Amino acid sequence: MKADPILEEVRRIKDELSREYAADLDAYFAKLNEIADAEEKAGRKVVRSAAELHQLIAEEERERAKQAALALNDWPTREKK
């Protein structure tokens, strides 16, 4: 399976934060919220729950299906002789 660079980055950050805040869960989650807030402020999408992630994936799949349908509609039609 091909490595996903986004997942690799998420795991790297998670591991780094886990080492840094291993003894203090409150500080760990406060730091996660601080990072998420900074990302949102910078205009980037932040997913805060599994339900939100499922919704985002479903929206992307609908958009891909729509684009595929548009591409199929762009095929030239055969003229009847």
PDB file of N, CA and C in Angstrom:
ATOM      1  N   MET A   1       0.846  -1.185   0.000  1.00  0.00           N
ATOM      2  CA  MET A   1       0.000   0.000   0.000  1.00  0.00           C
ATOM      3  C   MET A   1       0.890   1.246   0.000  1.00  0.00           C
ATOM      4  N   LYS A   2       0.504   2.207  -0.803  1.00  0.00           N
ATOM      5  CA  LYS A   2       1.255   3.453  -0.925  1.00  0.00           C
ATOM      6  C   LYS A   2       1.057   4.310   0.330  1.00  0.00           C
ATOM      7  N   ALA A   3       2.141   4.891   0.826  1.00  0.00           N
ATOM      8  CA  ALA A   3       2.072   5.745   2.016  1.00  0.00           C
ATOM      9  C   ALA A   3       1.343   7.042   1.678  1.00  0.00           C
ATOM     10  N   ASP A   4       0.487   7.478   2.590  1.00  0.00           N
ATOM     11  CA  ASP A   4      -0.262   8.723   2.433  1.00  0.00           C
ATOM     12  C   ASP A   4       0.481   9.813   3.203  1.00  0.00           C
ATOM     13  N   PRO A   5       0.986  10.832   2.519  1.00  0.00           N
ATOM     14  CA  PRO A   5       1.783  11.860   3.208  1.00  0.00           C
ATOM     15  C   PRO A   5       0.995  12.622   4.279  1.00  0.00           C
ATOM     16  N   ILE A   6      -0.300  12.771   4.090  1.00  0.00           N
ATOM     17  CA  ILE A   6      -1.103  13.477   5.092  1.00  0.00           C
ATOM     18  C   ILE A   6      -1.191  12.639   6.364  1.00  0.00           C
ATOM     19  N   LEU A   7      -1.471  11.343   6.213  1.00  0.00           N
ATOM     20  CA  LEU A   7      -1.535  10.477   7.388  1.00  0.00           C
ATOM     21  C   LEU A   7      -0.180  10.378   8.077  1.00  0.00           C
ATOM     22  N   GLU A   8       0.880  10.328   7.311  1.00  0.00           N
ATOM     23  CA  GLU A   8       2.225  10.280   7.896  1.00  0.00           C
ATOM     24  C   GLU A   8       2.489  11.524   8.749  1.00  0.00           C
ATOM     25  N   GLU A   9       2.082  12.683   8.243  1.00  0.00           N
ATOM     26  CA  GLU A   9       2.267  13.940   8.985  1.00  0.00           C
ATOM     27  C   GLU A   9       1.425  13.946  10.259  1.00  0.00           C
ATOM     28  N   VAL A  10       0.175  13.495  10.159  1.00  0.00           N
ATOM     29  CA  VAL A  10      -0.704  13.440  11.331  1.00  0.00           C
ATOM     30  C   VAL A  10      -0.098  12.529  12.393  1.00  0.00           C
ATOM     31  N   ARG A  11       0.371  11.365  11.971  1.00  0.00           N
ATOM     32  CA  ARG A  11       0.969  10.423  12.930  1.00  0.00           C
ATOM     33  C   ARG A  11       2.236  10.979  13.555  1.00  0.00           C
ATOM     34  N   ARG A  12       3.046  11.667  12.757  1.00  0.00           N
ATOM     35  CA  ARG A  12       4.274  12.256  13.286  1.00  0.00           C
ATOM     36  C   ARG A  12       3.954  13.289  14.364  1.00  0.00           C
ATOM     37  N   ILE A  13       2.991  14.150  14.089  1.00  0.00           N
ATOM     38  CA  ILE A  13       2.610  15.181  15.053  1.00  0.00           C
ATOM     39  C   ILE A  13       2.005  14.550  16.302  1.00  0.00           C
ATOM     40  N   LYS A  14       1.151  13.536  16.105  1.00  0.00           N
ATOM     41  CA  LYS A  14       0.538  12.842  17.245  1.00  0.00           C
ATOM     42  C   LYS A  14       1.610  12.230  18.138  1.00  0.00           C
ATOM     43  N   ASP A  15       2.579  11.565  17.530  1.00  0.00           N
ATOM     44  CA  ASP A  15       3.651  10.939  18.306  1.00  0.00           C
ATOM     45  C   ASP A  15       4.480  11.981  19.051  1.00  0.00           C
ATOM     46  N   GLU A  16       4.755  13.082  18.382  1.00  0.00           N
ATOM     47  CA  GLU A  16       5.532  14.157  19.006  1.00  0.00           C
ATOM     48  C   GLU A  16       4.786  14.735  20.216  1.00  0.00           C
ATOM     49  N   LEU A  17       3.496  15.018  20.045  1.00  0.00           N
ATOM     50  CA  LEU A  17       2.701  15.558  21.148  1.00  0.00           C
ATOM     51  C   LEU A  17       2.539  14.543  22.273  1.00  0.00           C
ATOM     52  N   SER A  18       2.405  13.278  21.920  1.00  0.00           N
ATOM     53  CA  SER A  18       2.270  12.233  22.936  1.00  0.00           C
ATOM     54  C   SER A  18       3.514  12.164  23.810  1.00  0.00           C
ATOM     55  N   ARG A  19       4.682  12.256  23.188  1.00  0.00           N
ATOM     56  CA  ARG A  19       5.921  12.248  23.979  1.00  0.00           C
ATOM     57  C   ARG A  19       6.008  13.488  24.870  1.00  0.00           C
ATOM     58  N   GLU A  20       5.636  14.621  24.316  1.00  0.00           N
ATOM     59  CA  GLU A  20       5.768  15.887  25.053  1.00  0.00           C
ATOM     60  C   GLU A  20       4.782  15.993  26.217  1.00  0.00           C
ATOM     61  N   TYR A  21       3.549  15.483  26.040  1.00  0.00           N
ATOM     62  CA  TYR A  21       2.497  15.659  27.047  1.00  0.00           C
ATOM     63  C   TYR A  21       2.024  14.339  27.654  1.00  0.00           C
ATOM     64  N   ALA A  22       2.873  13.328  27.657  1.00  0.00           N
ATOM     65  CA  ALA A  22       2.473  11.986  28.097  1.00  0.00           C
ATOM     66  C   ALA A  22       1.867  11.968  29.499  1.00  0.00           C
ATOM     67  N   ALA A  23       2.343  12.787  30.395  1.00  0.00           N
ATOM     68  CA  ALA A  23       1.883  12.745  31.791  1.00  0.00           C
ATOM     69  C   ALA A  23       0.694  13.665  32.055  1.00  0.00           C
ATOM     70  N   ASP A  24       0.320  14.510  31.104  1.00  0.00           N
ATOM     71  CA  ASP A  24      -0.714  15.511  31.367  1.00  0.00           C
ATOM     72  C   ASP A  24      -1.721  15.558  30.215  1.00  0.00           C
ATOM     73  N   LEU A  25      -2.793  14.786  30.332  1.00  0.00           N
ATOM     74  CA  LEU A  25      -3.796  14.734  29.269  1.00  0.00           C
ATOM     75  C   LEU A  25      -4.496  16.067  29.059  1.00  0.00           C
ATOM     76  N   ASP A  26      -4.726  16.812  30.118  1.00  0.00           N
ATOM     77  CA  ASP A  26      -5.373  18.121  29.962  1.00  0.00           C
ATOM     78  C   ASP A  26      -4.517  19.042  29.093  1.00  0.00           C
ATOM     79  N   ALA A  27      -3.209  19.053  29.335  1.00  0.00           N
ATOM     80  CA  ALA A  27      -2.306  19.882  28.529  1.00  0.00           C
ATOM     81  C   ALA A  27      -2.252  19.379  27.092  1.00  0.00           C
ATOM     82  N   TYR A  28      -2.304  18.051  26.922  1.00  0.00           N
ATOM     83  CA  TYR A  28      -2.279  17.449  25.592  1.00  0.00           C
ATOM     84  C   TYR A  28      -3.474  17.921  24.769  1.00  0.00           C
ATOM     85  N   PHE A  29      -4.680  17.813  25.339  1.00  0.00           N
ATOM     86  CA  PHE A  29      -5.870  18.212  24.593  1.00  0.00           C
ATOM     87  C   PHE A  29      -5.960  19.728  24.436  1.00  0.00           C
ATOM     88  N   ALA A  30      -5.457  20.467  25.391  1.00  0.00           N
ATOM     89  CA  ALA A  30      -5.414  21.925  25.250  1.00  0.00           C
ATOM     90  C   ALA A  30      -4.515  22.306  24.071  1.00  0.00           C
ATOM     91  N   LYS A  31      -3.396  21.613  23.925  1.00  0.00           N
ATOM     92  CA  LYS A  31      -2.470  21.877  22.813  1.00  0.00           C
ATOM     93  C   LYS A  31      -3.124  21.504  21.477  1.00  0.00           C
ATOM     94  N   LEU A  32      -3.827  20.359  21.437  1.00  0.00           N
ATOM     95  CA  LEU A  32      -4.525  19.976  20.214  1.00  0.00           C
ATOM     96  C   LEU A  32      -5.553  21.028  19.804  1.00  0.00           C
ATOM     97  N   ASN A  33      -6.311  21.531  20.774  1.00  0.00           N
ATOM     98  CA  ASN A  33      -7.298  22.578  20.482  1.00  0.00           C
ATOM     99  C   ASN A  33      -6.622  23.863  20.016  1.00  0.00           C
ATOM    100  N   GLU A  34      -5.488  24.188  20.615  1.00  0.00           N
ATOM    101  CA  GLU A  34      -4.736  25.382  20.221  1.00  0.00           C
ATOM    102  C   GLU A  34      -4.272  25.260  18.762  1.00  0.00           C
ATOM    103  N   ILE A  35      -3.774  24.084  18.391  1.00  0.00           N
ATOM    104  CA  ILE A  35      -3.328  23.850  17.014  1.00  0.00           C
ATOM    105  C   ILE A  35      -4.512  23.941  16.056  1.00  0.00           C
ATOM    106  N   ALA A  36      -5.628  23.312  16.419  1.00  0.00           N
ATOM    107  CA  ALA A  36      -6.816  23.327  15.552  1.00  0.00           C
ATOM    108  C   ALA A  36      -7.337  24.754  15.374  1.00  0.00           C
ATOM    109  N   ASP A  37      -7.366  25.523  16.454  1.00  0.00           N
ATOM    110  CA  ASP A  37      -7.834  26.906  16.362  1.00  0.00           C
ATOM    111  C   ASP A  37      -6.930  27.729  15.445  1.00  0.00           C
ATOM    112  N   ALA A  38      -5.619  27.519  15.540  1.00  0.00           N
ATOM    113  CA  ALA A  38      -4.676  28.250  14.690  1.00  0.00           C
ATOM    114  C   ALA A  38      -4.878  27.865  13.217  1.00  0.00           C
ATOM    115  N   GLU A  39      -5.137  26.583  12.957  1.00  0.00           N
ATOM    116  CA  GLU A  39      -5.374  26.132  11.583  1.00  0.00           C
ATOM    117  C   GLU A  39      -6.645  26.764  11.018  1.00  0.00           C
ATOM    118  N   GLU A  40      -7.706  26.790  11.819  1.00  0.00           N
ATOM    119  CA  GLU A  40      -8.963  27.412  11.373  1.00  0.00           C
ATOM    120  C   GLU A  40      -8.780  28.896  11.114  1.00  0.00           C
ATOM    121  N   LYS A  41      -8.046  29.547  11.993  1.00  0.00           N
ATOM    122  CA  LYS A  41      -7.802  30.981  11.836  1.00  0.00           C
ATOM    123  C   LYS A  41      -7.025  31.255  10.548  1.00  0.00           C
ATOM    124  N   ALA A  42      -6.158  30.319  10.161  1.00  0.00           N
ATOM    125  CA  ALA A  42      -5.372  30.459   8.929  1.00  0.00           C
ATOM    126  C   ALA A  42      -6.190  30.091   7.694  1.00  0.00           C
ATOM    127  N   GLY A  43      -7.458  29.697   7.905  1.00  0.00           N
ATOM    128  CA  GLY A  43      -8.330  29.405   6.777  1.00  0.00           C
ATOM    129  C   GLY A  43      -8.290  27.966   6.301  1.00  0.00           C
ATOM    130  N   ARG A  44      -7.687  27.087   7.092  1.00  0.00           N
ATOM    131  CA  ARG A  44      -7.619  25.681   6.705  1.00  0.00           C
ATOM    132  C   ARG A  44      -8.733  24.893   7.374  1.00  0.00           C
ATOM    133  N   LYS A  45      -9.170  23.841   6.711  1.00  0.00           N
ATOM    134  CA  LYS A  45     -10.246  22.990   7.216  1.00  0.00           C
ATOM    135  C   LYS A  45      -9.731  22.151   8.379  1.00  0.00           C
ATOM    136  N   VAL A  46     -10.490  22.128   9.473  1.00  0.00           N
ATOM    137  CA  VAL A  46     -10.161  21.307  10.638  1.00  0.00           C
ATOM    138  C   VAL A  46     -11.333  20.379  10.911  1.00  0.00           C
ATOM    139  N   VAL A  47     -11.048  19.094  11.001  1.00  0.00           N
ATOM    140  CA  VAL A  47     -12.072  18.096  11.298  1.00  0.00           C
ATOM    141  C   VAL A  47     -11.956  17.764  12.779  1.00  0.00           C
ATOM    142  N   ARG A  48     -13.060  17.983  13.513  1.00  0.00           N
ATOM    143  CA  ARG A  48     -13.011  17.814  14.967  1.00  0.00           C
ATOM    144  C   ARG A  48     -13.755  16.583  15.478  1.00  0.00           C
ATOM    145  N   SER A  49     -14.396  15.835  14.584  1.00  0.00           N
ATOM    146  CA  SER A  49     -15.113  14.638  15.041  1.00  0.00           C
ATOM    147  C   SER A  49     -15.188  13.618  13.913  1.00  0.00           C
ATOM    148  N   ALA A  50     -15.467  12.378  14.293  1.00  0.00           N
ATOM    149  CA  ALA A  50     -15.600  11.325  13.292  1.00  0.00           C
ATOM    150  C   ALA A  50     -16.791  11.601  12.380  1.00  0.00           C
ATOM    151  N   ALA A  51     -17.871  12.112  12.946  1.00  0.00           N
ATOM    152  CA  ALA A  51     -19.053  12.426  12.142  1.00  0.00           C
ATOM    153  C   ALA A  51     -18.729  13.493  11.103  1.00  0.00           C
ATOM    154  N   GLU A  52     -17.976  14.487  11.501  1.00  0.00           N
ATOM    155  CA  GLU A  52     -17.580  15.552  10.570  1.00  0.00           C
ATOM    156  C   GLU A  52     -16.672  14.989   9.475  1.00  0.00           C
ATOM    157  N   LEU A  53     -15.795  14.058   9.836  1.00  0.00           N
ATOM    158  CA  LEU A  53     -14.919  13.429   8.852  1.00  0.00           C
ATOM    159  C   LEU A  53     -15.731  12.615   7.854  1.00  0.00           C
ATOM    160  N   HIS A  54     -16.698  11.843   8.336  1.00  0.00           N
ATOM    161  CA  HIS A  54     -17.548  11.052   7.441  1.00  0.00           C
ATOM    162  C   HIS A  54     -18.327  11.959   6.488  1.00  0.00           C
ATOM    163  N   GLN A  55     -18.811  13.079   6.998  1.00  0.00           N
ATOM    164  CA  GLN A  55     -19.547  14.022   6.162  1.00  0.00           C
ATOM    165  C   GLN A  55     -18.630  14.608   5.091  1.00  0.00           C
ATOM    166  N   LEU A  56     -17.417  14.970   5.458  1.00  0.00           N
ATOM    167  CA  LEU A  56     -16.458  15.533   4.510  1.00  0.00           C
ATOM    168  C   LEU A  56     -16.122  14.517   3.422  1.00  0.00           C
ATOM    169  N   ILE A  57     -15.905  13.262   3.807  1.00  0.00           N
ATOM    170  CA  ILE A  57     -15.597  12.215   2.836  1.00  0.00           C
ATOM    171  C   ILE A  57     -16.768  12.009   1.878  1.00  0.00           C
ATOM    172  N   ALA A  58     -17.990  11.984   2.418  1.00  0.00           N
ATOM    173  CA  ALA A  58     -19.179  11.798   1.582  1.00  0.00           C
ATOM    174  C   ALA A  58     -19.318  12.951   0.585  1.00  0.00           C
ATOM    175  N   GLU A  59     -19.066  14.177   1.020  1.00  0.00           N
ATOM    176  CA  GLU A  59     -19.135  15.334   0.123  1.00  0.00           C
ATOM    177  C   GLU A  59     -18.101  15.220  -0.994  1.00  0.00           C
ATOM    178  N   GLU A  60     -16.884  14.802  -0.640  1.00  0.00           N
ATOM    179  CA  GLU A  60     -15.837  14.659  -1.652  1.00  0.00           C
ATOM    180  C   GLU A  60     -16.179  13.553  -2.648  1.00  0.00           C
ATOM    181  N   GLU A  61     -16.756  12.449  -2.158  1.00  0.00           N
ATOM    182  CA  GLU A  61     -17.153  11.373  -3.057  1.00  0.00           C
ATOM    183  C   GLU A  61     -18.270  11.816  -3.999  1.00  0.00           C
ATOM    184  N   ARG A  62     -19.231  12.591  -3.485  1.00  0.00           N
ATOM    185  CA  ARG A  62     -20.296  13.112  -4.348  1.00  0.00           C
ATOM    186  C   ARG A  62     -19.718  14.033  -5.422  1.00  0.00           C
ATOM    187  N   GLU A  63     -18.759  14.854  -5.037  1.00  0.00           N
ATOM    188  CA  GLU A  63     -18.140  15.775  -5.999  1.00  0.00           C
ATOM    189  C   GLU A  63     -17.367  15.003  -7.068  1.00  0.00           C
ATOM    190  N   ARG A  64     -16.633  13.949  -6.663  1.00  0.00           N
ATOM    191  CA  ARG A  64     -15.915  13.127  -7.644  1.00  0.00           C
ATOM    192  C   ARG A  64     -16.885  12.446  -8.596  1.00  0.00           C
ATOM    193  N   ALA A  65     -17.993  11.937  -8.077  1.00  0.00           N
ATOM    194  CA  ALA A  65     -19.000  11.281  -8.922  1.00  0.00           C
ATOM    195  C   ALA A  65     -19.598  12.292  -9.903  1.00  0.00           C
ATOM    196  N   LYS A  66     -19.837  13.492  -9.423  1.00  0.00           N
ATOM    197  CA  LYS A  66     -20.391  14.546 -10.285  1.00  0.00           C
ATOM    198  C   LYS A  66     -19.400  14.885 -11.403  1.00  0.00           C
ATOM    199  N   GLN A  67     -18.115  15.008 -11.047  1.00  0.00           N
ATOM    200  CA  GLN A  67     -17.096  15.313 -12.061  1.00  0.00           C
ATOM    201  C   GLN A  67     -16.977  14.184 -13.070  1.00  0.00           C
ATOM    202  N   ALA A  68     -17.069  12.937 -12.599  1.00  0.00           N
ATOM    203  CA  ALA A  68     -16.998  11.796 -13.510  1.00  0.00           C
ATOM    204  C   ALA A  68     -18.192  11.805 -14.453  1.00  0.00           C
ATOM    205  N   ALA A  69     -19.368  12.123 -13.946  1.00  0.00           N
ATOM    206  CA  ALA A  69     -20.563  12.182 -14.787  1.00  0.00           C
ATOM    207  C   ALA A  69     -20.430  13.278 -15.833  1.00  0.00           C
ATOM    208  N   LEU A  70     -19.883  14.418 -15.441  1.00  0.00           N
ATOM    209  CA  LEU A  70     -19.675  15.503 -16.397  1.00  0.00           C
ATOM    210  C   LEU A  70     -18.696  15.081 -17.490  1.00  0.00           C
ATOM    211  N   ALA A  71     -17.646  14.368 -17.097  1.00  0.00           N
ATOM    212  CA  ALA A  71     -16.659  13.913 -18.071  1.00  0.00           C
ATOM    213  C   ALA A  71     -17.307  12.948 -19.056  1.00  0.00           C
ATOM    214  N   LEU A  72     -18.177  12.063 -18.568  1.00  0.00           N
ATOM    215  CA  LEU A  72     -18.856  11.135 -19.467  1.00  0.00           C
ATOM    216  C   LEU A  72     -19.783  11.868 -20.424  1.00  0.00           C
ATOM    217  N   ASN A  73     -20.394  12.918 -19.958  1.00  0.00           N
ATOM    218  CA  ASN A  73     -21.290  13.686 -20.815  1.00  0.00           C
ATOM    219  C   ASN A  73     -20.532  14.460 -21.885  1.00  0.00           C
ATOM    220  N   ASP A  74     -19.239  14.677 -21.698  1.00  0.00           N
ATOM    221  CA  ASP A  74     -18.418  15.401 -22.660  1.00  0.00           C
ATOM    222  C   ASP A  74     -17.955  14.535 -23.812  1.00  0.00           C
ATOM    223  N   TRP A  75     -18.173  13.227 -23.741  1.00  0.00           N
ATOM    224  CA  TRP A  75     -17.750  12.355 -24.813  1.00  0.00           C
ATOM    225  C   TRP A  75     -18.535  12.682 -26.079  1.00  0.00           C
ATOM    226  N   PRO A  76     -17.860  12.664 -27.212  1.00  0.00           N
ATOM    227  CA  PRO A  76     -18.590  12.942 -28.451  1.00  0.00           C
ATOM    228  C   PRO A  76     -19.583  11.814 -28.753  1.00  0.00           C
ATOM    229  N   THR A  77     -20.681  12.176 -29.281  1.00  0.00           N
ATOM    230  CA  THR A  77     -21.681  11.167 -29.645  1.00  0.00           C
ATOM    231  C   THR A  77     -21.446  10.740 -31.073  1.00  0.00           C
ATOM    232  N   ARG A  78     -21.816   9.518 -31.385  1.00  0.00           N
ATOM    233  CA  ARG A  78     -21.696   9.030 -32.749  1.00  0.00           C
ATOM    234  C   ARG A  78     -22.898   9.492 -33.552  1.00  0.00           C
ATOM    235  N   GLU A  79     -22.599  10.013 -34.696  1.00  0.00           N
ATOM    236  CA  GLU A  79     -23.681  10.433 -35.565  1.00  0.00           C
ATOM    237  C   GLU A  79     -24.161   9.241 -36.363  1.00  0.00           C
ATOM    238  N   LYS A  80     -25.453   9.116 -36.462  1.00  0.00           N
ATOM    239  CA  LYS A  80     -26.030   8.024 -37.251  1.00  0.00           C
ATOM    240  C   LYS A  80     -25.991   8.394 -38.723  1.00  0.00           C
ATOM    241  N   LYS A  81     -25.621   7.441 -39.528  1.00  0.00           N
ATOM    242  CA  LYS A  81     -25.538   7.698 -40.977  1.00  0.00           C
ATOM    243  C   LYS A  81     -26.712   7.112 -41.693  1.00  0.00           C
TER     244      LYS A  81
END
